[in-house]
PDB file of N, CA and C in Angstrom:
ATOM      1  N   UNK A   1     -52.625  21.268  53.752  1.00  0.00           N
ATOM      2  CA  UNK A   1     -52.805  22.600  54.263  1.00  0.00           C
ATOM      3  C   UNK A   1     -54.113  22.936  54.928  1.00  0.00           C
ATOM      4  N   UNK A   2     -54.035  23.894  56.014  1.00  0.00           N
ATOM      5  CA  UNK A   2     -55.261  24.135  56.845  1.00  0.00           C
ATOM      6  C   UNK A   2     -55.634  25.383  56.313  1.00  0.00           C
ATOM      7  N   UNK A   3     -56.939  25.769  56.514  1.00  0.00           N
ATOM      8  CA  UNK A   3     -57.518  27.093  56.093  1.00  0.00           C
ATOM      9  C   UNK A   3     -56.724  28.254  56.624  1.00  0.00           C
ATOM     10  N   UNK A   4     -56.449  28.048  57.913  1.00  0.00           N
ATOM     11  CA  UNK A   4     -55.882  29.249  58.748  1.00  0.00           C
ATOM     12  C   UNK A   4     -54.389  29.279  58.121  1.00  0.00           C
ATOM     13  N   UNK A   5     -53.554  28.576  57.313  1.00  0.00           N
ATOM     14  CA  UNK A   5     -52.424  28.656  56.666  1.00  0.00           C
ATOM     15  C   UNK A   5     -52.389  29.477  55.439  1.00  0.00           C
ATOM     16  N   UNK A   6     -53.438  29.667  54.880  1.00  0.00           N
ATOM     17  CA  UNK A   6     -53.741  30.308  53.614  1.00  0.00           C
ATOM     18  C   UNK A   6     -53.409  31.864  53.719  1.00  0.00           C
ATOM     19  N   UNK A   7     -52.381  32.356  52.932  1.00  0.00           N
ATOM     20  CA  UNK A   7     -51.911  33.735  53.126  1.00  0.00           C
ATOM     21  C   UNK A   7     -52.308  34.295  51.534  1.00  0.00           C
ATOM     22  N   UNK A   8     -52.153  35.757  51.528  1.00  0.00           N
ATOM     23  CA  UNK A   8     -52.529  36.417  50.347  1.00  0.00           C
ATOM     24  C   UNK A   8     -51.447  36.037  49.207  1.00  0.00           C
ATOM     25  N   UNK A   9     -52.008  35.977  47.975  1.00  0.00           N
ATOM     26  CA  UNK A   9     -51.481  35.473  46.902  1.00  0.00           C
ATOM     27  C   UNK A   9     -50.567  34.246  46.831  1.00  0.00           C
ATOM     28  N   UNK A  10     -51.206  33.196  47.520  1.00  0.00           N
ATOM     29  CA  UNK A  10     -50.553  31.927  47.729  1.00  0.00           C
ATOM     30  C   UNK A  10     -50.931  31.128  46.454  1.00  0.00           C
ATOM     31  N   UNK A  11     -50.168  30.207  46.071  1.00  0.00           N
ATOM     32  CA  UNK A  11     -50.394  29.292  44.844  1.00  0.00           C
ATOM     33  C   UNK A  11     -50.127  27.989  45.157  1.00  0.00           C
ATOM     34  N   UNK A  12     -50.781  27.063  44.201  1.00  0.00           N
ATOM     35  CA  UNK A  12     -50.762  25.542  44.608  1.00  0.00           C
ATOM     36  C   UNK A  12     -51.287  25.215  45.891  1.00  0.00           C
ATOM     37  N   UNK A  13     -52.403  25.921  46.192  1.00  0.00           N
ATOM     38  CA  UNK A  13     -53.264  25.444  47.480  1.00  0.00           C
ATOM     39  C   UNK A  13     -54.111  24.275  47.425  1.00  0.00           C
ATOM     40  N   UNK A  14     -53.747  23.100  48.109  1.00  0.00           N
ATOM     41  CA  UNK A  14     -54.595  22.042  48.258  1.00  0.00           C
ATOM     42  C   UNK A  14     -55.046  21.918  49.783  1.00  0.00           C
ATOM     43  N   UNK A  15     -56.373  22.045  49.801  1.00  0.00           N
ATOM     44  CA  UNK A  15     -57.107  22.159  51.115  1.00  0.00           C
ATOM     45  C   UNK A  15     -58.330  21.382  51.091  1.00  0.00           C
ATOM     46  N   UNK A  16     -58.709  20.885  52.310  1.00  0.00           N
ATOM     47  CA  UNK A  16     -59.972  19.810  52.479  1.00  0.00           C
ATOM     48  C   UNK A  16     -60.866  21.088  53.167  1.00  0.00           C
ATOM     49  N   UNK A  17     -62.137  21.358  52.573  1.00  0.00           N
ATOM     50  CA  UNK A  17     -62.970  22.337  53.252  1.00  0.00           C
ATOM     51  C   UNK A  17     -64.364  21.823  53.287  1.00  0.00           C
ATOM     52  N   UNK A  18     -65.175  22.364  54.278  1.00  0.00           N
ATOM     53  CA  UNK A  18     -66.660  22.023  54.293  1.00  0.00           C
ATOM     54  C   UNK A  18     -67.352  23.403  53.726  1.00  0.00           C
ATOM     55  N   UNK A  19     -68.309  23.252  52.949  1.00  0.00           N
ATOM     56  CA  UNK A  19     -69.201  24.305  52.437  1.00  0.00           C
ATOM     57  C   UNK A  19     -70.130  24.568  53.500  1.00  0.00           C
ATOM     58  N   UNK A  20     -70.086  25.920  54.150  1.00  0.00           N
ATOM     59  CA  UNK A  20     -70.846  26.317  55.253  1.00  0.00           C
ATOM     60  C   UNK A  20     -72.276  26.941  54.508  1.00  0.00           C
ATOM     61  N   UNK A  21     -71.970  27.853  53.562  1.00  0.00           N
ATOM     62  CA  UNK A  21     -73.163  28.426  52.789  1.00  0.00           C
ATOM     63  C   UNK A  21     -72.738  29.042  51.490  1.00  0.00           C
ATOM     64  N   UNK A  22     -73.747  29.227  50.669  1.00  0.00           N
ATOM     65  CA  UNK A  22     -73.290  29.796  49.395  1.00  0.00           C
ATOM     66  C   UNK A  22     -74.209  30.876  48.998  1.00  0.00           C
ATOM     67  N   UNK A  23     -73.803  31.935  48.411  1.00  0.00           N
ATOM     68  CA  UNK A  23     -74.586  33.092  47.945  1.00  0.00           C
ATOM     69  C   UNK A  23     -75.275  32.706  46.687  1.00  0.00           C
ATOM     70  N   UNK A  24     -76.300  33.482  46.436  1.00  0.00           N
ATOM     71  CA  UNK A  24     -77.087  33.361  45.101  1.00  0.00           C
ATOM     72  C   UNK A  24     -75.890  33.981  44.085  1.00  0.00           C
ATOM     73  N   UNK A  25     -75.952  33.227  42.776  1.00  0.00           N
ATOM     74  CA  UNK A  25     -75.047  33.670  41.841  1.00  0.00           C
ATOM     75  C   UNK A  25     -75.546  35.116  41.413  1.00  0.00           C
ATOM     76  N   UNK A  26     -74.733  35.863  40.925  1.00  0.00           N
ATOM     77  CA  UNK A  26     -74.985  37.227  40.306  1.00  0.00           C
ATOM     78  C   UNK A  26     -74.280  37.197  38.881  1.00  0.00           C
ATOM     79  N   UNK A  27     -74.722  38.118  37.984  1.00  0.00           N
ATOM     80  CA  UNK A  27     -73.998  38.127  36.592  1.00  0.00           C
ATOM     81  C   UNK A  27     -73.106  39.383  36.530  1.00  0.00           C
ATOM     82  N   UNK A  28     -71.965  39.200  35.901  1.00  0.00           N
ATOM     83  CA  UNK A  28     -70.999  40.095  35.721  1.00  0.00           C
ATOM     84  C   UNK A  28     -70.656  40.215  34.340  1.00  0.00           C
ATOM     85  N   UNK A  29     -70.090  41.324  33.957  1.00  0.00           N
ATOM     86  CA  UNK A  29     -69.500  41.440  32.555  1.00  0.00           C
ATOM     87  C   UNK A  29     -67.986  41.612  32.664  1.00  0.00           C
ATOM     88  N   UNK A  30     -67.266  40.782  31.887  1.00  0.00           N
ATOM     89  CA  UNK A  30     -65.945  40.896  31.877  1.00  0.00           C
ATOM     90  C   UNK A  30     -65.490  42.166  31.206  1.00  0.00           C
ATOM     91  N   UNK A  31     -64.519  42.794  31.799  1.00  0.00           N
ATOM     92  CA  UNK A  31     -63.905  44.074  31.265  1.00  0.00           C
ATOM     93  C   UNK A  31     -63.155  43.791  29.923  1.00  0.00           C
ATOM     94  N   UNK A  32     -62.469  42.566  29.880  1.00  0.00           N
ATOM     95  CA  UNK A  32     -61.570  42.161  28.965  1.00  0.00           C
ATOM     96  C   UNK A  32     -62.296  41.937  27.635  1.00  0.00           C
ATOM     97  N   UNK A  33     -63.172  41.177  27.586  1.00  0.00           N
ATOM     98  CA  UNK A  33     -64.027  40.732  26.405  1.00  0.00           C
ATOM     99  C   UNK A  33     -65.429  41.044  26.255  1.00  0.00           C
ATOM    100  N   UNK A  34     -65.896  41.735  27.338  1.00  0.00           N
ATOM    101  CA  UNK A  34     -67.508  42.151  27.348  1.00  0.00           C
ATOM    102  C   UNK A  34     -68.367  40.828  27.460  1.00  0.00           C
ATOM    103  N   UNK A  35     -67.964  39.711  27.933  1.00  0.00           N
ATOM    104  CA  UNK A  35     -68.660  38.481  27.973  1.00  0.00           C
ATOM    105  C   UNK A  35     -69.425  38.461  29.330  1.00  0.00           C
ATOM    106  N   UNK A  36     -70.464  37.869  29.492  1.00  0.00           N
ATOM    107  CA  UNK A  36     -71.241  37.920  30.669  1.00  0.00           C
ATOM    108  C   UNK A  36     -70.966  36.453  31.416  1.00  0.00           C
ATOM    109  N   UNK A  37     -70.768  36.499  32.750  1.00  0.00           N
ATOM    110  CA  UNK A  37     -70.361  35.340  33.533  1.00  0.00           C
ATOM    111  C   UNK A  37     -71.225  35.392  34.672  1.00  0.00           C
ATOM    112  N   UNK A  38     -71.341  34.208  35.479  1.00  0.00           N
ATOM    113  CA  UNK A  38     -72.079  34.105  36.577  1.00  0.00           C
ATOM    114  C   UNK A  38     -70.990  34.105  37.738  1.00  0.00           C
ATOM    115  N   UNK A  39     -71.133  34.523  38.896  1.00  0.00           N
ATOM    116  CA  UNK A  39     -70.098  34.459  39.905  1.00  0.00           C
ATOM    117  C   UNK A  39     -71.083  34.442  41.330  1.00  0.00           C
ATOM    118  N   UNK A  40     -70.386  33.609  42.120  1.00  0.00           N
ATOM    119  CA  UNK A  40     -70.932  33.445  43.616  1.00  0.00           C
ATOM    120  C   UNK A  40     -69.736  33.182  44.438  1.00  0.00           C
ATOM    121  N   UNK A  41     -70.084  33.347  45.607  1.00  0.00           N
ATOM    122  CA  UNK A  41     -69.054  33.166  46.869  1.00  0.00           C
ATOM    123  C   UNK A  41     -69.706  32.179  47.714  1.00  0.00           C
ATOM    124  N   UNK A  42     -68.907  31.172  48.132  1.00  0.00           N
ATOM    125  CA  UNK A  42     -69.290  30.356  49.191  1.00  0.00           C
ATOM    126  C   UNK A  42     -68.208  30.261  50.507  1.00  0.00           C
ATOM    127  N   UNK A  43     -68.975  30.304  51.610  1.00  0.00           N
ATOM    128  CA  UNK A  43     -68.110  30.415  52.789  1.00  0.00           C
ATOM    129  C   UNK A  43     -67.683  28.932  53.043  1.00  0.00           C
ATOM    130  N   UNK A  44     -66.408  28.581  53.047  1.00  0.00           N
ATOM    131  CA  UNK A  44     -65.869  27.248  53.272  1.00  0.00           C
ATOM    132  C   UNK A  44     -64.816  27.252  54.261  1.00  0.00           C
ATOM    133  N   UNK A  45     -64.655  26.153  55.001  1.00  0.00           N
ATOM    134  CA  UNK A  45     -63.743  26.083  55.989  1.00  0.00           C
ATOM    135  C   UNK A  45     -63.481  24.720  56.631  1.00  0.00           C
ATOM    136  N   UNK A  46     -62.535  24.887  57.617  1.00  0.00           N
ATOM    137  CA  UNK A  46     -62.141  23.465  58.290  1.00  0.00           C
ATOM    138  C   UNK A  46     -62.212  23.917  59.821  1.00  0.00           C
ATOM    139  N   UNK A  47     -61.517  23.126  60.671  1.00  0.00           N
ATOM    140  CA  UNK A  47     -61.505  23.369  62.097  1.00  0.00           C
ATOM    141  C   UNK A  47     -60.717  24.587  62.506  1.00  0.00           C
ATOM    142  N   UNK A  48     -59.845  25.076  61.536  1.00  0.00           N
ATOM    143  CA  UNK A  48     -59.105  26.087  61.892  1.00  0.00           C
ATOM    144  C   UNK A  48     -59.609  27.619  61.548  1.00  0.00           C
ATOM    145  N   UNK A  49     -60.462  27.543  60.598  1.00  0.00           N
ATOM    146  CA  UNK A  49     -61.094  28.896  60.047  1.00  0.00           C
ATOM    147  C   UNK A  49     -61.665  28.535  58.767  1.00  0.00           C
ATOM    148  N   UNK A  50     -62.362  29.775  58.319  1.00  0.00           N
ATOM    149  CA  UNK A  50     -63.419  29.773  57.058  1.00  0.00           C
ATOM    150  C   UNK A  50     -62.550  30.782  56.149  1.00  0.00           C
ATOM    151  N   UNK A  51     -62.995  30.816  54.874  1.00  0.00           N
ATOM    152  CA  UNK A  51     -62.652  31.924  53.782  1.00  0.00           C
ATOM    153  C   UNK A  51     -63.744  31.699  52.852  1.00  0.00           C
ATOM    154  N   UNK A  52     -63.712  32.853  52.137  1.00  0.00           N
ATOM    155  CA  UNK A  52     -64.668  32.940  51.023  1.00  0.00           C
ATOM    156  C   UNK A  52     -64.072  32.243  49.749  1.00  0.00           C
ATOM    157  N   UNK A  53     -64.767  31.367  49.257  1.00  0.00           N
ATOM    158  CA  UNK A  53     -64.415  30.676  47.871  1.00  0.00           C
ATOM    159  C   UNK A  53     -65.068  31.290  46.752  1.00  0.00           C
ATOM    160  N   UNK A  54     -64.306  31.908  45.743  1.00  0.00           N
ATOM    161  CA  UNK A  54     -64.965  32.498  44.451  1.00  0.00           C
ATOM    162  C   UNK A  54     -65.402  31.428  43.672  1.00  0.00           C
ATOM    163  N   UNK A  55     -66.609  31.236  43.171  1.00  0.00           N
ATOM    164  CA  UNK A  55     -67.113  30.369  42.199  1.00  0.00           C
ATOM    165  C   UNK A  55     -67.545  31.082  40.964  1.00  0.00           C
ATOM    166  N   UNK A  56     -67.116  30.420  39.772  1.00  0.00           N
ATOM    167  CA  UNK A  56     -67.363  31.141  38.477  1.00  0.00           C
ATOM    168  C   UNK A  56     -68.232  29.968  37.619  1.00  0.00           C
ATOM    169  N   UNK A  57     -69.091  30.499  36.864  1.00  0.00           N
ATOM    170  CA  UNK A  57     -69.856  29.850  35.968  1.00  0.00           C
ATOM    171  C   UNK A  57     -70.224  28.311  36.415  1.00  0.00           C
ATOM    172  N   UNK A  58     -69.651  27.461  35.763  1.00  0.00           N
ATOM    173  CA  UNK A  58     -69.803  26.010  35.926  1.00  0.00           C
ATOM    174  C   UNK A  58     -69.464  25.299  37.273  1.00  0.00           C
ATOM    175  N   UNK A  59     -68.482  26.002  37.913  1.00  0.00           N
ATOM    176  CA  UNK A  59     -68.191  25.594  39.238  1.00  0.00           C
ATOM    177  C   UNK A  59     -69.211  25.980  40.321  1.00  0.00           C
ATOM    178  N   UNK A  60     -70.166  26.979  40.015  1.00  0.00           N
ATOM    179  CA  UNK A  60     -71.182  27.343  41.053  1.00  0.00           C
ATOM    180  C   UNK A  60     -71.970  26.003  41.508  1.00  0.00           C
ATOM    181  N   UNK A  61     -72.410  25.375  40.544  1.00  0.00           N
ATOM    182  CA  UNK A  61     -73.327  24.096  40.673  1.00  0.00           C
ATOM    183  C   UNK A  61     -72.645  22.998  41.310  1.00  0.00           C
ATOM    184  N   UNK A  62     -71.256  23.029  41.355  1.00  0.00           N
ATOM    185  CA  UNK A  62     -70.508  21.914  42.046  1.00  0.00           C
ATOM    186  C   UNK A  62     -70.514  21.869  43.552  1.00  0.00           C
ATOM    187  N   UNK A  63     -70.942  22.970  43.994  1.00  0.00           N
ATOM    188  CA  UNK A  63     -70.616  23.259  45.557  1.00  0.00           C
ATOM    189  C   UNK A  63     -72.072  23.381  46.133  1.00  0.00           C
ATOM    190  N   UNK A  64     -72.283  22.673  47.258  1.00  0.00           N
ATOM    191  CA  UNK A  64     -73.513  22.622  47.929  1.00  0.00           C
ATOM    192  C   UNK A  64     -73.072  22.770  49.554  1.00  0.00           C
ATOM    193  N   UNK A  65     -73.957  23.676  50.275  1.00  0.00           N
ATOM    194  CA  UNK A  65     -73.755  23.841  51.687  1.00  0.00           C
ATOM    195  C   UNK A  65     -73.799  22.597  52.350  1.00  0.00           C
ATOM    196  N   UNK A  66     -73.077  22.228  53.291  1.00  0.00           N
ATOM    197  CA  UNK A  66     -72.911  21.007  54.338  1.00  0.00           C
ATOM    198  C   UNK A  66     -72.129  19.904  53.657  1.00  0.00           C
ATOM    199  N   UNK A  67     -71.674  20.060  52.492  1.00  0.00           N
ATOM    200  CA  UNK A  67     -70.742  18.848  51.949  1.00  0.00           C
ATOM    201  C   UNK A  67     -69.287  19.462  52.080  1.00  0.00           C
ATOM    202  N   UNK A  68     -68.494  18.376  51.892  1.00  0.00           N
ATOM    203  CA  UNK A  68     -66.782  18.453  52.151  1.00  0.00           C
ATOM    204  C   UNK A  68     -66.330  18.382  50.832  1.00  0.00           C
ATOM    205  N   UNK A  69     -65.410  19.199  50.560  1.00  0.00           N
ATOM    206  CA  UNK A  69     -64.667  19.337  49.077  1.00  0.00           C
ATOM    207  C   UNK A  69     -63.222  19.291  49.327  1.00  0.00           C
ATOM    208  N   UNK A  70     -62.567  18.836  48.301  1.00  0.00           N
ATOM    209  CA  UNK A  70     -61.101  18.910  48.121  1.00  0.00           C
ATOM    210  C   UNK A  70     -60.806  19.951  47.056  1.00  0.00           C
ATOM    211  N   UNK A  71     -60.133  21.242  47.292  1.00  0.00           N
ATOM    212  CA  UNK A  71     -59.686  21.937  46.531  1.00  0.00           C
ATOM    213  C   UNK A  71     -58.230  21.600  46.068  1.00  0.00           C
ATOM    214  N   UNK A  72     -57.868  21.529  44.898  1.00  0.00           N
ATOM    215  CA  UNK A  72     -56.633  21.093  44.287  1.00  0.00           C
ATOM    216  C   UNK A  72     -56.151  22.245  43.610  1.00  0.00           C
ATOM    217  N   UNK A  73     -54.734  22.699  43.778  1.00  0.00           N
ATOM    218  CA  UNK A  73     -54.245  23.695  42.881  1.00  0.00           C
ATOM    219  C   UNK A  73     -54.840  24.947  42.928  1.00  0.00           C
ATOM    220  N   UNK A  74     -55.468  25.281  44.050  1.00  0.00           N
ATOM    221  CA  UNK A  74     -56.103  26.659  43.994  1.00  0.00           C
ATOM    222  C   UNK A  74     -55.253  27.720  44.230  1.00  0.00           C
ATOM    223  N   UNK A  75     -55.648  28.849  44.436  1.00  0.00           N
ATOM    224  CA  UNK A  75     -54.840  30.054  44.772  1.00  0.00           C
ATOM    225  C   UNK A  75     -55.461  31.039  45.535  1.00  0.00           C
ATOM    226  N   UNK A  76     -54.750  32.024  46.174  1.00  0.00           N
ATOM    227  CA  UNK A  76     -55.435  32.947  47.037  1.00  0.00           C
ATOM    228  C   UNK A  76     -55.508  34.528  46.514  1.00  0.00           C
ATOM    229  N   UNK A  77     -56.125  35.197  46.546  1.00  0.00           N
ATOM    230  CA  UNK A  77     -56.157  36.699  46.125  1.00  0.00           C
ATOM    231  C   UNK A  77     -56.831  37.603  47.070  1.00  0.00           C
ATOM    232  N   UNK A  78     -56.682  38.773  46.919  1.00  0.00           N
ATOM    233  CA  UNK A  78     -57.513  39.831  47.658  1.00  0.00           C
ATOM    234  C   UNK A  78     -58.438  40.430  46.821  1.00  0.00           C
ATOM    235  N   UNK A  79     -59.640  40.816  47.352  1.00  0.00           N
ATOM    236  CA  UNK A  79     -60.689  41.530  46.654  1.00  0.00           C
ATOM    237  C   UNK A  79     -61.195  42.478  47.714  1.00  0.00           C
ATOM    238  N   UNK A  80     -61.197  43.679  47.443  1.00  0.00           N
ATOM    239  CA  UNK A  80     -61.743  44.777  48.544  1.00  0.00           C
ATOM    240  C   UNK A  80     -61.104  44.495  49.799  1.00  0.00           C
ATOM    241  N   UNK A  81     -59.705  44.278  49.734  1.00  0.00           N
ATOM    242  CA  UNK A  81     -58.834  44.158  51.037  1.00  0.00           C
ATOM    243  C   UNK A  81     -59.225  43.171  51.807  1.00  0.00           C
ATOM    244  N   UNK A  82     -59.761  41.960  51.237  1.00  0.00           N
ATOM    245  CA  UNK A  82     -60.187  40.678  51.995  1.00  0.00           C
ATOM    246  C   UNK A  82     -59.819  39.576  51.074  1.00  0.00           C
ATOM    247  N   UNK A  83     -59.280  38.698  51.952  1.00  0.00           N
ATOM    248  CA  UNK A  83     -58.536  37.370  51.581  1.00  0.00           C
ATOM    249  C   UNK A  83     -59.768  36.487  50.763  1.00  0.00           C
ATOM    250  N   UNK A  84     -59.520  35.873  49.649  1.00  0.00           N
ATOM    251  CA  UNK A  84     -60.335  35.021  48.872  1.00  0.00           C
ATOM    252  C   UNK A  84     -59.675  33.768  48.406  1.00  0.00           C
ATOM    253  N   UNK A  85     -60.269  32.587  48.357  1.00  0.00           N
ATOM    254  CA  UNK A  85     -59.678  31.422  47.740  1.00  0.00           C
ATOM    255  C   UNK A  85     -60.323  31.213  46.275  1.00  0.00           C
ATOM    256  N   UNK A  86     -59.517  30.753  45.419  1.00  0.00           N
ATOM    257  CA  UNK A  86     -60.011  30.762  44.021  1.00  0.00           C
ATOM    258  C   UNK A  86     -59.518  29.408  43.677  1.00  0.00           C
ATOM    259  N   UNK A  87     -60.486  28.879  42.585  1.00  0.00           N
ATOM    260  CA  UNK A  87     -60.053  27.472  41.922  1.00  0.00           C
ATOM    261  C   UNK A  87     -59.263  27.870  40.615  1.00  0.00           C
ATOM    262  N   UNK A  88     -59.887  28.703  39.817  1.00  0.00           N
ATOM    263  CA  UNK A  88     -59.009  29.106  38.614  1.00  0.00           C
ATOM    264  C   UNK A  88     -59.117  28.189  37.500  1.00  0.00           C
ATOM    265  N   UNK A  89     -58.292  28.374  36.389  1.00  0.00           N
ATOM    266  CA  UNK A  89     -58.321  27.598  35.256  1.00  0.00           C
ATOM    267  C   UNK A  89     -57.535  26.284  35.556  1.00  0.00           C
ATOM    268  N   UNK A  90     -56.672  26.381  36.376  1.00  0.00           N
ATOM    269  CA  UNK A  90     -55.835  25.078  36.537  1.00  0.00           C
ATOM    270  C   UNK A  90     -56.021  24.314  37.841  1.00  0.00           C
ATOM    271  N   UNK A  91     -56.988  24.918  38.509  1.00  0.00           N
ATOM    272  CA  UNK A  91     -57.435  24.115  39.780  1.00  0.00           C
ATOM    273  C   UNK A  91     -58.613  23.385  39.663  1.00  0.00           C
ATOM    274  N   UNK A  92     -58.973  22.566  40.598  1.00  0.00           N
ATOM    275  CA  UNK A  92     -60.189  21.616  40.670  1.00  0.00           C
ATOM    276  C   UNK A  92     -60.790  21.629  42.002  1.00  0.00           C
ATOM    277  N   UNK A  93     -61.943  21.419  41.926  1.00  0.00           N
ATOM    278  CA  UNK A  93     -62.716  21.144  43.323  1.00  0.00           C
ATOM    279  C   UNK A  93     -63.677  19.893  43.051  1.00  0.00           C
ATOM    280  N   UNK A  94     -63.593  19.104  43.998  1.00  0.00           N
ATOM    281  CA  UNK A  94     -64.291  17.872  44.022  1.00  0.00           C
ATOM    282  C   UNK A  94     -64.917  17.521  45.327  1.00  0.00           C
ATOM    283  N   UNK A  95     -66.213  16.853  45.431  1.00  0.00           N
ATOM    284  CA  UNK A  95     -66.629  16.268  46.520  1.00  0.00           C
ATOM    285  C   UNK A  95     -65.689  15.325  47.133  1.00  0.00           C
ATOM    286  N   UNK A  96     -65.496  15.293  48.491  1.00  0.00           N
ATOM    287  CA  UNK A  96     -64.583  14.459  49.142  1.00  0.00           C
ATOM    288  C   UNK A  96     -65.409  13.324  49.889  1.00  0.00           C
ATOM    289  N   UNK A  97     -64.623  12.130  50.026  1.00  0.00           N
ATOM    290  CA  UNK A  97     -65.300  11.123  50.905  1.00  0.00           C
ATOM    291  C   UNK A  97     -65.070  11.473  52.306  1.00  0.00           C
ATOM    292  N   UNK A  98     -63.996  12.124  52.545  1.00  0.00           N
ATOM    293  CA  UNK A  98     -63.506  12.458  53.881  1.00  0.00           C
ATOM    294  C   UNK A  98     -64.380  13.647  54.393  1.00  0.00           C
ATOM    295  N   UNK A  99     -64.889  13.539  55.500  1.00  0.00           N
ATOM    296  CA  UNK A  99     -65.727  14.547  56.137  1.00  0.00           C
ATOM    297  C   UNK A  99     -65.091  15.447  57.155  1.00  0.00           C
ATOM    298  N   UNK A 100     -65.548  16.824  57.000  1.00  0.00           N
ATOM    299  CA  UNK A 100     -65.238  17.830  58.025  1.00  0.00           C
ATOM    300  C   UNK A 100     -66.524  17.922  58.878  1.00  0.00           C
ATOM    301  N   UNK A 101     -66.592  17.755  60.182  1.00  0.00           N
ATOM    302  CA  UNK A 101     -67.733  17.839  60.864  1.00  0.00           C
ATOM    303  C   UNK A 101     -68.308  19.273  60.989  1.00  0.00           C
ATOM    304  N   UNK A 102     -67.332  20.019  61.336  1.00  0.00           N
ATOM    305  CA  UNK A 102     -67.631  21.510  61.476  1.00  0.00           C
ATOM    306  C   UNK A 102     -66.575  22.517  61.218  1.00  0.00           C
ATOM    307  N   UNK A 103     -66.882  23.720  60.564  1.00  0.00           N
ATOM    308  CA  UNK A 103     -66.099  24.575  60.235  1.00  0.00           C
ATOM    309  C   UNK A 103     -65.986  25.755  61.144  1.00  0.00           C
ATOM    310  N   UNK A 104     -64.918  26.123  61.366  1.00  0.00           N
ATOM    311  CA  UNK A 104     -64.645  27.253  62.429  1.00  0.00           C
ATOM    312  C   UNK A 104     -65.043  28.580  61.830  1.00  0.00           C
ATOM    313  N   UNK A 105     -66.255  29.123  62.102  1.00  0.00           N
ATOM    314  CA  UNK A 105     -66.692  30.375  61.588  1.00  0.00           C
ATOM    315  C   UNK A 105     -66.227  31.559  62.397  1.00  0.00           C
ATOM    316  N   UNK A 106     -65.594  31.264  63.541  1.00  0.00           N
ATOM    317  CA  UNK A 106     -65.056  32.341  64.373  1.00  0.00           C
ATOM    318  C   UNK A 106     -63.879  32.909  63.816  1.00  0.00           C
ATOM    319  N   UNK A 107     -63.164  32.225  62.940  1.00  0.00           N
ATOM    320  CA  UNK A 107     -61.927  32.677  62.428  1.00  0.00           C
ATOM    321  C   UNK A 107     -62.127  32.690  61.010  1.00  0.00           C
ATOM    322  N   UNK A 108     -62.902  33.728  60.619  1.00  0.00           N
ATOM    323  CA  UNK A 108     -63.163  33.997  59.150  1.00  0.00           C
ATOM    324  C   UNK A 108     -62.067  34.769  58.593  1.00  0.00           C
ATOM    325  N   UNK A 109     -61.259  34.247  57.833  1.00  0.00           N
ATOM    326  CA  UNK A 109     -60.052  34.988  57.271  1.00  0.00           C
ATOM    327  C   UNK A 109     -60.443  36.135  56.240  1.00  0.00           C
ATOM    328  N   UNK A 110     -61.689  36.088  55.859  1.00  0.00           N
ATOM    329  CA  UNK A 110     -62.194  36.908  54.767  1.00  0.00           C
ATOM    330  C   UNK A 110     -62.820  38.255  55.417  1.00  0.00           C
ATOM    331  N   UNK A 111     -63.000  38.018  56.671  1.00  0.00           N
ATOM    332  CA  UNK A 111     -63.576  39.112  57.407  1.00  0.00           C
ATOM    333  C   UNK A 111     -62.298  40.058  58.082  1.00  0.00           C
ATOM    334  N   UNK A 112     -61.150  39.520  57.930  1.00  0.00           N
ATOM    335  CA  UNK A 112     -60.224  40.293  58.646  1.00  0.00           C
ATOM    336  C   UNK A 112     -59.475  41.075  57.471  1.00  0.00           C
ATOM    337  N   UNK A 113     -59.567  42.566  57.922  1.00  0.00           N
ATOM    338  CA  UNK A 113     -58.818  43.374  56.936  1.00  0.00           C
ATOM    339  C   UNK A 113     -57.613  43.352  56.758  1.00  0.00           C
ATOM    340  N   UNK A 114     -57.030  43.100  55.655  1.00  0.00           N
ATOM    341  CA  UNK A 114     -55.587  43.054  55.349  1.00  0.00           C
ATOM    342  C   UNK A 114     -54.774  44.416  55.392  1.00  0.00           C
ATOM    343  N   UNK A 115     -53.619  44.133  56.016  1.00  0.00           N
ATOM    344  CA  UNK A 115     -52.845  45.520  56.157  1.00  0.00           C
ATOM    345  C   UNK A 115     -51.620  45.369  55.160  1.00  0.00           C
ATOM    346  N   UNK A 116     -51.268  46.610  54.795  1.00  0.00           N
ATOM    347  CA  UNK A 116     -49.978  46.599  53.837  1.00  0.00           C
ATOM    348  C   UNK A 116     -50.425  46.668  52.566  1.00  0.00           C
TER     349      UNK A 116
END
């Protein structure tokens, strides 16, 4: 799968992406059980486009800008009417030996407002 093929509420997403940049983590409190978690977003992409990847707790430190990663069994959601890629409990992210030379930042799927 390529980044530009990711649609809202997609499941079982396997995609090779280059990490372009990562935001500083911030702390959030879960409404469900009042626990504190760290969350960050990384802009990731391939030659077809970019998307924001949401990183929680331990996965934050697994991603560095400029490196290529394989996302396995990810899923997509919308947050504030914007498309996001997530790893989740059953997904994985790992550094890849395959390289993506440049991510297409011109086609940022997370910047496009979703309709409907």
